[in-house]
């Protein structure tokens, strides 16, 4: 006989965010160039997006390129931008067909104009989709995001459109790149590393973290399911306490 938990599976977290790590180590272990790891990483993105959709996740955010990644060797950055162009050109039709909305967060002025156009076209095409939202953090750094939000608040206050006394958490949240996106419930980091690396610092205040030794190119639906299962074993208190707990 199947138990009640198996027959009535728990609802998936609304928002799952993933720090995709390990492409370089995956390639090095096989004697391959880092580009090969990044290409395999794109395949893992494709698998994970489909798995998240099948599992009923509402929002999936992937950390694809950080503001710090601009400091990598020029050749590697060029290869990564090439893969981004390829993804935006080859995958958007499938995302749209699956009812997935694409959102890109980060500092677009640092991107090439042709990439910005591809992003804008993809966002416009998929804007009405409701099955799932795929959020791609691109040229993204959370500290800079918070700085930009604070600057917007200061400018509005200086212009007389905002009373400084009214500035609260909601005011700052509303000026982040993620203003209309719910905070992540679950953050997954692959490759065994256990840090945020300047990713969704404000938004992850009450997120649950799951760290896996799996390198990103090897990440599968089963890895995502295992992280969600671990998420459901956690007791989320959001700063409050329960009877008998401390």
Protein backbone atom coordinates (compact mmCIF):
# COMPACT_ATOMS: atom_id res chain seq x y z
CA UNK A 1 0.00 0.00 0.00
CA UNK A 2 1.29 3.47 -0.86
CA UNK A 3 1.44 5.88 2.04
CA UNK A 4 -0.52 9.13 2.05
CA UNK A 5 2.57 11.25 1.34
CA UNK A 6 3.36 9.24 -1.78
CA UNK A 7 -0.22 9.34 -3.05
CA UNK A 8 -0.53 13.06 -2.32
CA UNK A 9 2.87 14.59 -3.12
CA UNK A 10 3.71 17.92 -1.58
CA UNK A 11 3.40 21.03 -3.68
CA UNK A 12 6.69 22.10 -5.25
CA UNK A 13 8.31 25.34 -4.08
CA UNK A 14 6.93 28.30 -6.00
CA UNK A 15 10.36 29.67 -6.85
CA UNK A 16 13.55 27.64 -7.26
CA UNK A 17 16.85 29.43 -7.95
CA UNK A 18 20.01 27.65 -9.06
CA UNK A 19 23.65 28.71 -8.94
CA UNK A 20 25.01 26.64 -11.81
CA UNK A 21 28.59 25.74 -10.92
CA UNK A 22 31.12 23.19 -12.12
CA UNK A 23 31.32 23.54 -15.90
CA UNK A 24 35.06 24.16 -15.81
CA UNK A 25 35.78 21.28 -13.43
CA UNK A 26 33.61 18.96 -15.52
CA UNK A 27 35.68 19.78 -18.59
CA UNK A 28 39.03 19.61 -16.79
CA UNK A 29 38.25 16.14 -15.42
CA UNK A 30 37.81 14.97 -19.01
CA UNK A 31 40.80 16.77 -20.45
CA UNK A 32 38.55 19.11 -22.41
CA UNK A 33 38.59 22.90 -22.84
CA UNK A 34 36.33 24.95 -20.55
CA UNK A 35 34.12 25.71 -23.57
CA UNK A 36 33.12 22.06 -23.69
CA UNK A 37 31.91 22.29 -20.11
CA UNK A 38 29.89 25.40 -20.87
CA UNK A 39 28.27 23.67 -23.87
CA UNK A 40 27.32 20.72 -21.68
CA UNK A 41 26.02 23.23 -19.15
CA UNK A 42 23.58 24.55 -21.76
CA UNK A 43 22.24 21.02 -22.17
CA UNK A 44 21.75 20.85 -18.40
CA UNK A 45 19.80 24.12 -18.53
CA UNK A 46 17.49 22.61 -21.14
CA UNK A 47 16.92 19.49 -19.00
CA UNK A 48 16.35 21.48 -15.84
CA UNK A 49 13.87 23.90 -17.37
CA UNK A 50 11.82 20.99 -18.67
CA UNK A 51 12.07 19.16 -15.34
CA UNK A 52 10.99 22.24 -13.37
CA UNK A 53 8.01 22.69 -15.68
CA UNK A 54 7.02 19.04 -15.30
CA UNK A 55 7.30 19.28 -11.50
CA UNK A 56 5.06 22.35 -11.35
CA UNK A 57 7.63 24.94 -10.28
CA UNK A 58 6.25 28.43 -10.92
CA UNK A 59 9.53 30.34 -11.21
CA UNK A 60 12.98 29.01 -12.04
CA UNK A 61 15.91 31.42 -11.79
CA UNK A 62 19.31 30.42 -13.13
CA UNK A 63 22.53 32.33 -12.45
CA UNK A 64 24.06 32.23 -15.91
CA UNK A 65 26.64 35.05 -15.90
CA UNK A 66 27.63 37.23 -12.97
CA UNK A 67 28.91 40.78 -13.00
CA UNK A 68 32.21 39.34 -11.75
CA UNK A 69 32.40 36.96 -14.73
CA UNK A 70 33.31 39.92 -16.94
CA UNK A 71 36.78 39.63 -15.37
CA UNK A 72 37.34 36.18 -16.86
CA UNK A 73 39.72 35.79 -19.83
CA UNK A 74 38.40 37.60 -22.90
CA UNK A 75 38.27 34.41 -24.97
CA UNK A 76 36.13 32.63 -22.36
CA UNK A 77 33.74 35.59 -22.07
CA UNK A 78 33.43 35.65 -25.86
CA UNK A 79 32.63 31.93 -25.89
CA UNK A 80 30.00 32.39 -23.18
CA UNK A 81 28.37 35.25 -25.09
CA UNK A 82 28.33 33.06 -28.18
CA UNK A 83 26.55 30.31 -26.28
CA UNK A 84 24.08 32.89 -24.98
CA UNK A 85 23.32 34.03 -28.53
CA UNK A 86 22.87 30.41 -29.58
CA UNK A 87 20.48 29.75 -26.69
CA UNK A 88 18.40 32.85 -27.35
CA UNK A 89 18.09 31.98 -31.03
CA UNK A 90 17.53 28.24 -30.75
CA UNK A 91 15.53 27.72 -27.56
CA UNK A 92 13.01 30.54 -27.41
CA UNK A 93 10.56 28.90 -29.82
CA UNK A 94 10.52 25.78 -27.62
CA UNK A 95 10.08 27.84 -24.46
CA UNK A 96 7.17 29.67 -26.07
CA UNK A 97 5.61 26.42 -27.26
CA UNK A 98 5.82 25.07 -23.69
CA UNK A 99 4.11 28.18 -22.31
CA UNK A 100 7.22 29.40 -20.50
CA UNK A 101 7.84 33.10 -20.02
CA UNK A 102 11.43 34.35 -20.20
CA UNK A 103 12.68 37.17 -17.98
CA UNK A 104 16.26 38.41 -17.91
CA UNK A 105 17.59 40.34 -14.91
CA UNK A 106 20.91 42.14 -14.69
CA UNK A 107 22.81 45.08 -16.15
CA UNK A 108 21.91 45.09 -19.83
CA UNK A 109 24.07 48.10 -20.79
CA UNK A 110 27.14 45.88 -20.37
CA UNK A 111 25.83 43.43 -23.00
CA UNK A 112 26.31 43.73 -26.75
CA UNK A 113 23.42 45.50 -28.54
CA UNK A 114 22.58 42.40 -30.58
CA UNK A 115 22.22 40.32 -27.40
CA UNK A 116 20.00 42.99 -25.84
CA UNK A 117 17.78 42.87 -28.94
CA UNK A 118 17.55 39.08 -28.73
CA UNK A 119 16.57 39.34 -25.06
CA UNK A 120 13.94 41.99 -25.73
CA UNK A 121 12.46 39.99 -28.61
CA UNK A 122 12.33 36.82 -26.50
CA UNK A 123 10.72 38.60 -23.56
CA UNK A 124 8.14 40.20 -25.83
CA UNK A 125 7.32 36.89 -27.56
CA UNK A 126 6.83 34.99 -24.30
CA UNK A 127 5.30 37.79 -22.19
CA UNK A 128 1.83 36.23 -22.11
CA UNK A 129 2.92 32.73 -21.15
CA UNK A 130 1.80 31.43 -17.76
CA UNK A 131 2.98 27.82 -17.38
CA UNK A 132 6.27 28.84 -15.77
CA UNK A 133 8.61 31.83 -15.68
CA UNK A 134 12.28 31.25 -16.45
CA UNK A 135 14.39 34.05 -14.98
CA UNK A 136 17.92 34.31 -16.32
CA UNK A 137 20.34 36.31 -14.16
CA UNK A 138 22.73 37.71 -16.74
CA UNK A 139 25.47 40.28 -16.11
CA UNK A 140 23.99 40.18 -12.63
CA UNK A 141 25.40 41.06 -9.23
CA UNK A 142 23.18 41.38 -6.19
CA UNK A 143 25.18 44.10 -4.44
CA UNK A 144 25.06 46.28 -7.54
CA UNK A 145 21.33 45.55 -7.87
CA UNK A 146 20.78 46.86 -4.33
CA UNK A 147 22.96 49.91 -5.02
CA UNK A 148 20.93 50.72 -8.14
CA UNK A 149 17.67 50.33 -6.19
CA UNK A 150 18.95 52.65 -3.45
CA UNK A 151 20.03 55.16 -6.07
CA UNK A 152 16.55 55.13 -7.60
CA UNK A 153 15.02 55.79 -4.19
CA UNK A 154 17.44 58.69 -3.62
CA UNK A 155 16.66 60.19 -7.01
CA UNK A 156 12.91 59.94 -6.41
CA UNK A 157 13.28 61.53 -2.99
CA UNK A 158 15.44 64.34 -4.39
CA UNK A 159 12.84 64.99 -7.09
CA UNK A 160 10.13 65.23 -4.45
CA UNK A 161 8.26 62.16 -5.68
CA UNK A 162 9.01 60.15 -2.55
CA UNK A 163 9.00 61.00 1.15
CA UNK A 164 12.24 59.61 2.66
CA UNK A 165 10.28 58.70 5.79
CA UNK A 166 8.16 56.32 3.70
CA UNK A 167 11.12 54.24 2.51
CA UNK A 168 10.84 50.72 3.88
CA UNK A 169 11.64 47.17 2.79
CA UNK A 170 8.77 47.13 0.30
CA UNK A 171 10.01 50.36 -1.26
CA UNK A 172 13.46 48.93 -1.90
CA UNK A 173 12.08 45.57 -3.03
CA UNK A 174 9.93 47.35 -5.57
CA UNK A 175 13.00 48.85 -7.24
CA UNK A 176 15.01 45.66 -7.60
CA UNK A 177 15.31 43.79 -10.89
CA UNK A 178 13.00 41.18 -9.33
CA UNK A 179 10.29 43.62 -8.22
CA UNK A 180 7.42 41.53 -9.61
CA UNK A 181 8.98 38.11 -8.95
CA UNK A 182 8.40 36.24 -5.66
CA UNK A 183 11.42 35.63 -3.46
CA UNK A 184 13.05 32.22 -3.94
CA UNK A 185 11.87 29.45 -1.64
CA UNK A 186 14.77 27.15 -2.51
CA UNK A 187 18.29 27.95 -3.70
CA UNK A 188 20.39 25.12 -5.11
CA UNK A 189 24.12 25.31 -5.73
CA UNK A 190 25.93 22.60 -7.63
CA UNK A 191 29.56 21.35 -7.53
CA UNK A 192 29.92 21.25 -3.75
CA UNK A 193 30.48 24.96 -3.22
CA UNK A 194 28.54 26.50 -0.32
CA UNK A 195 28.23 30.24 -0.87
CA UNK A 196 25.89 32.70 -2.58
CA UNK A 197 28.51 34.45 -4.72
CA UNK A 198 26.59 37.74 -4.86
CA UNK A 199 23.35 36.09 -6.00
CA UNK A 200 19.91 37.30 -4.82
CA UNK A 201 21.27 38.52 -1.48
CA UNK A 202 18.20 40.57 -0.56
CA UNK A 203 15.69 38.10 -1.97
CA UNK A 204 17.14 35.01 -0.28
CA UNK A 205 16.62 36.19 3.32
CA UNK A 206 14.35 33.24 4.11
CA UNK A 207 15.22 30.82 1.33
CA UNK A 208 16.23 27.25 2.06
CA UNK A 209 19.62 26.19 0.69
CA UNK A 210 20.54 22.82 -0.79
CA UNK A 211 24.13 22.15 -1.85
CA UNK A 212 24.94 19.21 -4.09
CA UNK A 213 28.29 17.80 -5.18
CA UNK A 214 26.90 17.19 -8.67
CA UNK A 215 28.69 19.29 -11.29
CA UNK A 216 26.27 21.39 -13.30
CA UNK A 217 26.69 19.56 -16.65
CA UNK A 218 25.64 16.33 -14.87
CA UNK A 219 22.58 17.87 -13.16
CA UNK A 220 19.38 15.95 -13.95
CA UNK A 221 15.71 15.91 -13.08
CA UNK A 222 16.50 13.48 -10.27
CA UNK A 223 18.91 16.00 -8.72
CA UNK A 224 16.17 18.64 -8.85
CA UNK A 225 13.68 16.24 -7.30
CA UNK A 226 16.15 15.36 -4.53
CA UNK A 227 16.64 19.06 -3.71
CA UNK A 228 12.88 19.61 -3.59
CA UNK A 229 12.49 16.55 -1.36
CA UNK A 230 15.10 18.01 1.00
CA UNK A 231 13.25 21.34 0.90
CA UNK A 232 10.08 19.62 2.09
CA UNK A 233 11.94 18.10 5.04
CA UNK A 234 12.79 21.57 6.34
CA UNK A 235 10.68 23.50 8.84
CA UNK A 236 10.37 27.05 7.55
CA UNK A 237 9.84 29.55 10.37
CA UNK A 238 10.59 32.89 8.65
CA UNK A 239 12.17 34.20 11.84
CA UNK A 240 9.42 32.96 14.14
CA UNK A 241 9.66 30.08 16.61
CA UNK A 242 7.39 27.15 17.21
CA UNK A 243 6.55 25.38 20.44
CA UNK A 244 9.60 23.61 21.81
CA UNK A 245 11.97 25.19 19.28
CA UNK A 246 14.67 27.82 19.73
